[in-house]
Amino acid sequence: MAASSAYTVEVLGYAEDLMYMMDEVRQWRQDNCVYAPRTEFYWISETLVFLVTFNTCIEAISFARSFEGRLLEPQAAASSGI
């Protein structure tokens, strides 16, 4: 089975915005009927780094525009799928 690409969007915020950001992402996905197979976050000092991975470039770009994020370089998805 050929590997497909995964498209990850990085959104930066403040550490105290985690719950707000998670709720906004959930609502955006529901409103746009988009499935994001992986969502993760971490902090660098006081900066919240939120990463959301999509299966299509179109979904990733739409999300990045909605949240003022940036599309990272596409990564090959594992054959087991993301």
PDB file of N, CA and C in Angstrom:
ATOM      1  N   MET A   1       0.842  -1.159   0.000  1.00  0.00           N
ATOM      2  CA  MET A   1       0.000   0.000   0.000  1.00  0.00           C
ATOM      3  C   MET A   1       0.895   1.232   0.000  1.00  0.00           C
ATOM      4  N   ALA A   2       0.637   2.166  -0.901  1.00  0.00           N
ATOM      5  CA  ALA A   2       1.452   3.368  -1.016  1.00  0.00           C
ATOM      6  C   ALA A   2       1.144   4.325   0.119  1.00  0.00           C
ATOM      7  N   ALA A   3       2.181   5.006   0.587  1.00  0.00           N
ATOM      8  CA  ALA A   3       2.002   5.985   1.649  1.00  0.00           C
ATOM      9  C   ALA A   3       1.373   7.245   1.067  1.00  0.00           C
ATOM     10  N   SER A   4       0.474   7.842   1.818  1.00  0.00           N
ATOM     11  CA  SER A   4      -0.125   9.102   1.404  1.00  0.00           C
ATOM     12  C   SER A   4       0.507  10.218   2.221  1.00  0.00           C
ATOM     13  N   SER A   5       0.186  11.439   1.862  1.00  0.00           N
ATOM     14  CA  SER A   5       0.740  12.570   2.598  1.00  0.00           C
ATOM     15  C   SER A   5      -0.186  12.975   3.734  1.00  0.00           C
ATOM     16  N   ALA A   6       0.421  13.496   4.779  1.00  0.00           N
ATOM     17  CA  ALA A   6      -0.314  14.086   5.883  1.00  0.00           C
ATOM     18  C   ALA A   6       0.059  15.561   5.918  1.00  0.00           C
ATOM     19  N   TYR A   7      -0.906  16.426   6.145  1.00  0.00           N
ATOM     20  CA  TYR A   7      -0.709  17.863   6.121  1.00  0.00           C
ATOM     21  C   TYR A   7      -0.949  18.415   7.515  1.00  0.00           C
ATOM     22  N   THR A   8       0.091  18.984   8.099  1.00  0.00           N
ATOM     23  CA  THR A   8       0.006  19.468   9.471  1.00  0.00           C
ATOM     24  C   THR A   8       0.028  20.989   9.497  1.00  0.00           C
ATOM     25  N   VAL A   9      -0.884  21.533  10.303  1.00  0.00           N
ATOM     26  CA  VAL A   9      -0.975  22.973  10.494  1.00  0.00           C
ATOM     27  C   VAL A   9      -0.516  23.292  11.912  1.00  0.00           C
ATOM     28  N   GLU A  10       0.314  24.317  12.027  1.00  0.00           N
ATOM     29  CA  GLU A  10       0.789  24.783  13.321  1.00  0.00           C
ATOM     30  C   GLU A  10       0.113  26.114  13.636  1.00  0.00           C
ATOM     31  N   VAL A  11      -0.484  26.187  14.831  1.00  0.00           N
ATOM     32  CA  VAL A  11      -1.124  27.408  15.296  1.00  0.00           C
ATOM     33  C   VAL A  11      -0.486  27.772  16.627  1.00  0.00           C
ATOM     34  N   LEU A  12      -0.086  29.022  16.779  1.00  0.00           N
ATOM     35  CA  LEU A  12       0.540  29.474  18.018  1.00  0.00           C
ATOM     36  C   LEU A  12      -0.452  30.282  18.834  1.00  0.00           C
ATOM     37  N   GLY A  13      -0.361  30.139  20.153  1.00  0.00           N
ATOM     38  CA  GLY A  13      -1.220  30.896  21.057  1.00  0.00           C
ATOM     39  C   GLY A  13      -0.531  31.039  22.396  1.00  0.00           C
ATOM     40  N   TYR A  14      -1.290  31.419  23.381  1.00  0.00           N
ATOM     41  CA  TYR A  14      -0.766  31.571  24.732  1.00  0.00           C
ATOM     42  C   TYR A  14      -1.148  30.355  25.557  1.00  0.00           C
ATOM     43  N   ALA A  15      -0.332  30.003  26.519  1.00  0.00           N
ATOM     44  CA  ALA A  15      -0.537  28.798  27.323  1.00  0.00           C
ATOM     45  C   ALA A  15      -1.932  28.745  27.927  1.00  0.00           C
ATOM     46  N   GLU A  16      -2.450  29.879  28.354  1.00  0.00           N
ATOM     47  CA  GLU A  16      -3.776  29.889  28.994  1.00  0.00           C
ATOM     48  C   GLU A  16      -4.916  29.685  27.998  1.00  0.00           C
ATOM     49  N   ASP A  17      -4.618  29.662  26.698  1.00  0.00           N
ATOM     50  CA  ASP A  17      -5.646  29.499  25.666  1.00  0.00           C
ATOM     51  C   ASP A  17      -5.951  28.047  25.308  1.00  0.00           C
ATOM     52  N   LEU A  18      -5.361  27.070  25.991  1.00  0.00           N
ATOM     53  CA  LEU A  18      -5.501  25.668  25.584  1.00  0.00           C
ATOM     54  C   LEU A  18      -6.956  25.227  25.501  1.00  0.00           C
ATOM     55  N   MET A  19      -7.726  25.399  26.548  1.00  0.00           N
ATOM     56  CA  MET A  19      -9.115  24.929  26.542  1.00  0.00           C
ATOM     57  C   MET A  19      -9.937  25.669  25.484  1.00  0.00           C
ATOM     58  N   TYR A  20      -9.716  26.959  25.355  1.00  0.00           N
ATOM     59  CA  TYR A  20     -10.412  27.741  24.340  1.00  0.00           C
ATOM     60  C   TYR A  20     -10.058  27.223  22.945  1.00  0.00           C
ATOM     61  N   MET A  21      -8.782  27.001  22.716  1.00  0.00           N
ATOM     62  CA  MET A  21      -8.319  26.542  21.409  1.00  0.00           C
ATOM     63  C   MET A  21      -8.892  25.166  21.079  1.00  0.00           C
ATOM     64  N   MET A  22      -8.882  24.262  22.038  1.00  0.00           N
ATOM     65  CA  MET A  22      -9.428  22.927  21.796  1.00  0.00           C
ATOM     66  C   MET A  22     -10.907  23.006  21.436  1.00  0.00           C
ATOM     67  N   ASP A  23     -11.650  23.857  22.117  1.00  0.00           N
ATOM     68  CA  ASP A  23     -13.070  24.022  21.823  1.00  0.00           C
ATOM     69  C   ASP A  23     -13.284  24.629  20.442  1.00  0.00           C
ATOM     70  N   GLU A  24     -12.488  25.639  20.088  1.00  0.00           N
ATOM     71  CA  GLU A  24     -12.610  26.266  18.774  1.00  0.00           C
ATOM     72  C   GLU A  24     -12.279  25.284  17.643  1.00  0.00           C
ATOM     73  N   VAL A  25     -11.253  24.476  17.831  1.00  0.00           N
ATOM     74  CA  VAL A  25     -10.878  23.480  16.822  1.00  0.00           C
ATOM     75  C   VAL A  25     -11.990  22.447  16.669  1.00  0.00           C
ATOM     76  N   ARG A  26     -12.512  21.961  17.784  1.00  0.00           N
ATOM     77  CA  ARG A  26     -13.615  20.990  17.741  1.00  0.00           C
ATOM     78  C   ARG A  26     -14.809  21.569  16.987  1.00  0.00           C
ATOM     79  N   GLN A  27     -15.162  22.820  17.297  1.00  0.00           N
ATOM     80  CA  GLN A  27     -16.305  23.461  16.650  1.00  0.00           C
ATOM     81  C   GLN A  27     -16.054  23.656  15.156  1.00  0.00           C
ATOM     82  N   TRP A  28     -14.847  24.071  14.778  1.00  0.00           N
ATOM     83  CA  TRP A  28     -14.519  24.261  13.366  1.00  0.00           C
ATOM     84  C   TRP A  28     -14.634  22.944  12.614  1.00  0.00           C
ATOM     85  N   ARG A  29     -14.091  21.862  13.196  1.00  0.00           N
ATOM     86  CA  ARG A  29     -14.163  20.554  12.543  1.00  0.00           C
ATOM     87  C   ARG A  29     -15.613  20.114  12.374  1.00  0.00           C
ATOM     88  N   GLN A  30     -16.426  20.326  13.386  1.00  0.00           N
ATOM     89  CA  GLN A  30     -17.840  19.954  13.302  1.00  0.00           C
ATOM     90  C   GLN A  30     -18.561  20.792  12.249  1.00  0.00           C
ATOM     91  N   ASP A  31     -18.356  22.097  12.268  1.00  0.00           N
ATOM     92  CA  ASP A  31     -19.023  22.993  11.318  1.00  0.00           C
ATOM     93  C   ASP A  31     -18.619  22.702   9.882  1.00  0.00           C
ATOM     94  N   ASN A  32     -17.378  22.284   9.666  1.00  0.00           N
ATOM     95  CA  ASN A  32     -16.874  22.056   8.317  1.00  0.00           C
ATOM     96  C   ASN A  32     -16.861  20.585   7.921  1.00  0.00           C
ATOM     97  N   CYS A  33     -17.389  19.724   8.779  1.00  0.00           N
ATOM     98  CA  CYS A  33     -17.437  18.279   8.515  1.00  0.00           C
ATOM     99  C   CYS A  33     -16.067  17.750   8.105  1.00  0.00           C
ATOM    100  N   VAL A  34     -15.063  18.108   8.889  1.00  0.00           N
ATOM    101  CA  VAL A  34     -13.688  17.724   8.594  1.00  0.00           C
ATOM    102  C   VAL A  34     -13.189  16.792   9.679  1.00  0.00           C
ATOM    103  N   TYR A  35     -12.556  15.728   9.252  1.00  0.00           N
ATOM    104  CA  TYR A  35     -11.943  14.782  10.172  1.00  0.00           C
ATOM    105  C   TYR A  35     -10.445  15.060  10.222  1.00  0.00           C
ATOM    106  N   ALA A  36      -9.929  15.315  11.419  1.00  0.00           N
ATOM    107  CA  ALA A  36      -8.485  15.506  11.601  1.00  0.00           C
ATOM    108  C   ALA A  36      -7.997  14.324  12.424  1.00  0.00           C
ATOM    109  N   PRO A  37      -7.232  13.435  11.825  1.00  0.00           N
ATOM    110  CA  PRO A  37      -6.845  12.211  12.519  1.00  0.00           C
ATOM    111  C   PRO A  37      -5.905  12.408  13.691  1.00  0.00           C
ATOM    112  N   ARG A  38      -5.234  13.554  13.760  1.00  0.00           N
ATOM    113  CA  ARG A  38      -4.308  13.748  14.878  1.00  0.00           C
ATOM    114  C   ARG A  38      -4.281  15.215  15.279  1.00  0.00           C
ATOM    115  N   THR A  39      -4.420  15.444  16.579  1.00  0.00           N
ATOM    116  CA  THR A  39      -4.309  16.773  17.154  1.00  0.00           C
ATOM    117  C   THR A  39      -3.388  16.659  18.353  1.00  0.00           C
ATOM    118  N   GLU A  40      -2.410  17.530  18.434  1.00  0.00           N
ATOM    119  CA  GLU A  40      -1.500  17.508  19.572  1.00  0.00           C
ATOM    120  C   GLU A  40      -1.094  18.926  19.912  1.00  0.00           C
ATOM    121  N   PHE A  41      -0.561  19.106  21.105  1.00  0.00           N
ATOM    122  CA  PHE A  41      -0.116  20.422  21.527  1.00  0.00           C
ATOM    123  C   PHE A  41       1.045  20.282  22.492  1.00  0.00           C
ATOM    124  N   TYR A  42       1.800  21.345  22.601  1.00  0.00           N
ATOM    125  CA  TYR A  42       2.875  21.433  23.579  1.00  0.00           C
ATOM    126  C   TYR A  42       3.172  22.901  23.808  1.00  0.00           C
ATOM    127  N   TRP A  43       3.954  23.181  24.834  1.00  0.00           N
ATOM    128  CA  TRP A  43       4.313  24.551  25.154  1.00  0.00           C
ATOM    129  C   TRP A  43       5.801  24.761  24.966  1.00  0.00           C
ATOM    130  N   ILE A  44       6.135  25.950  24.501  1.00  0.00           N
ATOM    131  CA  ILE A  44       7.514  26.435  24.496  1.00  0.00           C
ATOM    132  C   ILE A  44       7.454  27.744  25.270  1.00  0.00           C
ATOM    133  N   SER A  45       7.987  27.710  26.486  1.00  0.00           N
ATOM    134  CA  SER A  45       7.852  28.840  27.425  1.00  0.00           C
ATOM    135  C   SER A  45       6.369  29.121  27.619  1.00  0.00           C
ATOM    136  N   GLU A  46       5.933  30.316  27.305  1.00  0.00           N
ATOM    137  CA  GLU A  46       4.526  30.695  27.470  1.00  0.00           C
ATOM    138  C   GLU A  46       3.722  30.537  26.175  1.00  0.00           C
ATOM    139  N   THR A  47       4.338  29.984  25.146  1.00  0.00           N
ATOM    140  CA  THR A  47       3.675  29.845  23.854  1.00  0.00           C
ATOM    141  C   THR A  47       3.067  28.455  23.701  1.00  0.00           C
ATOM    142  N   LEU A  48       1.784  28.414  23.371  1.00  0.00           N
ATOM    143  CA  LEU A  48       1.083  27.167  23.082  1.00  0.00           C
ATOM    144  C   LEU A  48       1.281  26.862  21.603  1.00  0.00           C
ATOM    145  N   VAL A  49       1.789  25.678  21.308  1.00  0.00           N
ATOM    146  CA  VAL A  49       1.963  25.232  19.923  1.00  0.00           C
ATOM    147  C   VAL A  49       0.942  24.123  19.702  1.00  0.00           C
ATOM    148  N   PHE A  50       0.006  24.374  18.813  1.00  0.00           N
ATOM    149  CA  PHE A  50      -1.086  23.454  18.536  1.00  0.00           C
ATOM    150  C   PHE A  50      -0.869  22.887  17.137  1.00  0.00           C
ATOM    151  N   LEU A  51      -0.788  21.572  17.003  1.00  0.00           N
ATOM    152  CA  LEU A  51      -0.588  20.924  15.704  1.00  0.00           C
ATOM    153  C   LEU A  51      -1.807  20.078  15.366  1.00  0.00           C
ATOM    154  N   VAL A  52      -2.352  20.302  14.183  1.00  0.00           N
ATOM    155  CA  VAL A  52      -3.510  19.536  13.723  1.00  0.00           C
ATOM    156  C   VAL A  52      -3.164  18.971  12.355  1.00  0.00           C
ATOM    157  N   THR A  53      -3.310  17.670  12.212  1.00  0.00           N
ATOM    158  CA  THR A  53      -2.944  16.976  10.979  1.00  0.00           C
ATOM    159  C   THR A  53      -4.201  16.603  10.195  1.00  0.00           C
ATOM    160  N   PHE A  54      -4.136  16.799   8.896  1.00  0.00           N
ATOM    161  CA  PHE A  54      -5.254  16.497   8.000  1.00  0.00           C
ATOM    162  C   PHE A  54      -4.789  15.555   6.900  1.00  0.00           C
ATOM    163  N   ASN A  55      -5.743  14.881   6.270  1.00  0.00           N
ATOM    164  CA  ASN A  55      -5.436  13.976   5.167  1.00  0.00           C
ATOM    165  C   ASN A  55      -5.364  14.690   3.826  1.00  0.00           C
ATOM    166  N   THR A  56      -5.986  15.880   3.729  1.00  0.00           N
ATOM    167  CA  THR A  56      -5.967  16.598   2.454  1.00  0.00           C
ATOM    168  C   THR A  56      -5.387  18.003   2.641  1.00  0.00           C
ATOM    169  N   CYS A  57      -4.749  18.459   1.624  1.00  0.00           N
ATOM    170  CA  CYS A  57      -4.151  19.791   1.633  1.00  0.00           C
ATOM    171  C   CYS A  57      -5.232  20.864   1.714  1.00  0.00           C
ATOM    172  N   ILE A  58      -6.342  20.673   1.045  1.00  0.00           N
ATOM    173  CA  ILE A  58      -7.431  21.655   1.043  1.00  0.00           C
ATOM    174  C   ILE A  58      -7.957  21.883   2.453  1.00  0.00           C
ATOM    175  N   GLU A  59      -8.168  20.804   3.214  1.00  0.00           N
ATOM    176  CA  GLU A  59      -8.640  20.934   4.594  1.00  0.00           C
ATOM    177  C   GLU A  59      -7.602  21.652   5.450  1.00  0.00           C
ATOM    178  N   ALA A  60      -6.343  21.305   5.265  1.00  0.00           N
ATOM    179  CA  ALA A  60      -5.278  21.918   6.048  1.00  0.00           C
ATOM    180  C   ALA A  60      -5.177  23.416   5.769  1.00  0.00           C
ATOM    181  N   ILE A  61      -5.263  23.806   4.508  1.00  0.00           N
ATOM    182  CA  ILE A  61      -5.192  25.222   4.152  1.00  0.00           C
ATOM    183  C   ILE A  61      -6.385  25.980   4.719  1.00  0.00           C
ATOM    184  N   SER A  62      -7.548  25.405   4.625  1.00  0.00           N
ATOM    185  CA  SER A  62      -8.750  26.045   5.174  1.00  0.00           C
ATOM    186  C   SER A  62      -8.611  26.253   6.676  1.00  0.00           C
ATOM    187  N   PHE A  63      -8.112  25.249   7.376  1.00  0.00           N
ATOM    188  CA  PHE A  63      -7.908  25.348   8.816  1.00  0.00           C
ATOM    189  C   PHE A  63      -6.863  26.412   9.134  1.00  0.00           C
ATOM    190  N   ALA A  64      -5.757  26.411   8.408  1.00  0.00           N
ATOM    191  CA  ALA A  64      -4.692  27.391   8.641  1.00  0.00           C
ATOM    192  C   ALA A  64      -5.216  28.815   8.462  1.00  0.00           C
ATOM    193  N   ARG A  65      -6.013  29.037   7.460  1.00  0.00           N
ATOM    194  CA  ARG A  65      -6.572  30.370   7.234  1.00  0.00           C
ATOM    195  C   ARG A  65      -7.528  30.760   8.352  1.00  0.00           C
ATOM    196  N   SER A  66      -8.307  29.819   8.828  1.00  0.00           N
ATOM    197  CA  SER A  66      -9.284  30.099   9.884  1.00  0.00           C
ATOM    198  C   SER A  66      -8.631  30.430  11.220  1.00  0.00           C
ATOM    199  N   PHE A  67      -7.466  29.840  11.479  1.00  0.00           N
ATOM    200  CA  PHE A  67      -6.819  30.006  12.778  1.00  0.00           C
ATOM    201  C   PHE A  67      -5.493  30.757  12.700  1.00  0.00           C
ATOM    202  N   GLU A  68      -5.246  31.417  11.584  1.00  0.00           N
ATOM    203  CA  GLU A  68      -4.007  32.164  11.388  1.00  0.00           C
ATOM    204  C   GLU A  68      -2.777  31.289  11.672  1.00  0.00           C
ATOM    205  N   GLY A  69      -2.859  30.057  11.173  1.00  0.00           N
ATOM    206  CA  GLY A  69      -1.763  29.115  11.349  1.00  0.00           C
ATOM    207  C   GLY A  69      -0.914  29.040  10.105  1.00  0.00           C
ATOM    208  N   ARG A  70       0.034  28.114  10.137  1.00  0.00           N
ATOM    209  CA  ARG A  70       0.873  27.911   8.946  1.00  0.00           C
ATOM    210  C   ARG A  70       0.933  26.425   8.637  1.00  0.00           C
ATOM    211  N   LEU A  71       0.900  26.129   7.363  1.00  0.00           N
ATOM    212  CA  LEU A  71       0.973  24.763   6.873  1.00  0.00           C
ATOM    213  C   LEU A  71       2.431  24.338   6.862  1.00  0.00           C
ATOM    214  N   LEU A  72       2.744  23.268   7.577  1.00  0.00           N
ATOM    215  CA  LEU A  72       4.102  22.747   7.602  1.00  0.00           C
ATOM    216  C   LEU A  72       4.325  21.878   6.375  1.00  0.00           C
ATOM    217  N   GLU A  73       5.558  21.519   6.113  1.00  0.00           N
ATOM    218  CA  GLU A  73       5.873  20.660   4.972  1.00  0.00           C
ATOM    219  C   GLU A  73       5.110  19.339   5.092  1.00  0.00           C
ATOM    220  N   PRO A  74       4.497  18.857   4.000  1.00  0.00           N
ATOM    221  CA  PRO A  74       3.770  17.578   4.062  1.00  0.00           C
ATOM    222  C   PRO A  74       4.704  16.433   4.460  1.00  0.00           C
ATOM    223  N   GLN A  75       4.173  15.528   5.244  1.00  0.00           N
ATOM    224  CA  GLN A  75       4.916  14.349   5.679  1.00  0.00           C
ATOM    225  C   GLN A  75       4.243  13.113   5.128  1.00  0.00           C
ATOM    226  N   ALA A  76       5.039  12.121   4.771  1.00  0.00           N
ATOM    227  CA  ALA A  76       4.469  10.855   4.315  1.00  0.00           C
ATOM    228  C   ALA A  76       3.831  10.167   5.511  1.00  0.00           C
ATOM    229  N   ALA A  77       2.600   9.755   5.356  1.00  0.00           N
ATOM    230  CA  ALA A  77       1.892   9.051   6.423  1.00  0.00           C
ATOM    231  C   ALA A  77       2.358   7.618   6.471  1.00  0.00           C
ATOM    232  N   ALA A  78       2.352   7.044   7.626  1.00  0.00           N
ATOM    233  CA  ALA A  78       2.728   5.634   7.789  1.00  0.00           C
ATOM    234  C   ALA A  78       1.728   4.772   7.037  1.00  0.00           C
ATOM    235  N   SER A  79       2.152   3.625   6.611  1.00  0.00           N
ATOM    236  CA  SER A  79       1.261   2.739   5.841  1.00  0.00           C
ATOM    237  C   SER A  79       0.044   2.320   6.650  1.00  0.00           C
ATOM    238  N   SER A  80       0.156   2.372   7.982  1.00  0.00           N
ATOM    239  CA  SER A  80      -0.993   2.035   8.822  1.00  0.00           C
ATOM    240  C   SER A  80      -2.012   3.151   8.826  1.00  0.00           C
ATOM    241  N   GLY A  81      -1.632   4.327   8.312  1.00  0.00           N
ATOM    242  CA  GLY A  81      -2.538   5.462   8.240  1.00  0.00           C
ATOM    243  C   GLY A  81      -2.494   6.305   9.492  1.00  0.00           C
ATOM    244  N   ILE A  82      -2.783   7.566   9.293  1.00  0.00           N
ATOM    245  CA  ILE A  82      -2.872   8.493  10.430  1.00  0.00           C
ATOM    246  C   ILE A  82      -4.306   8.841  10.637  1.00  0.00           C
TER     247      ILE A  82
END
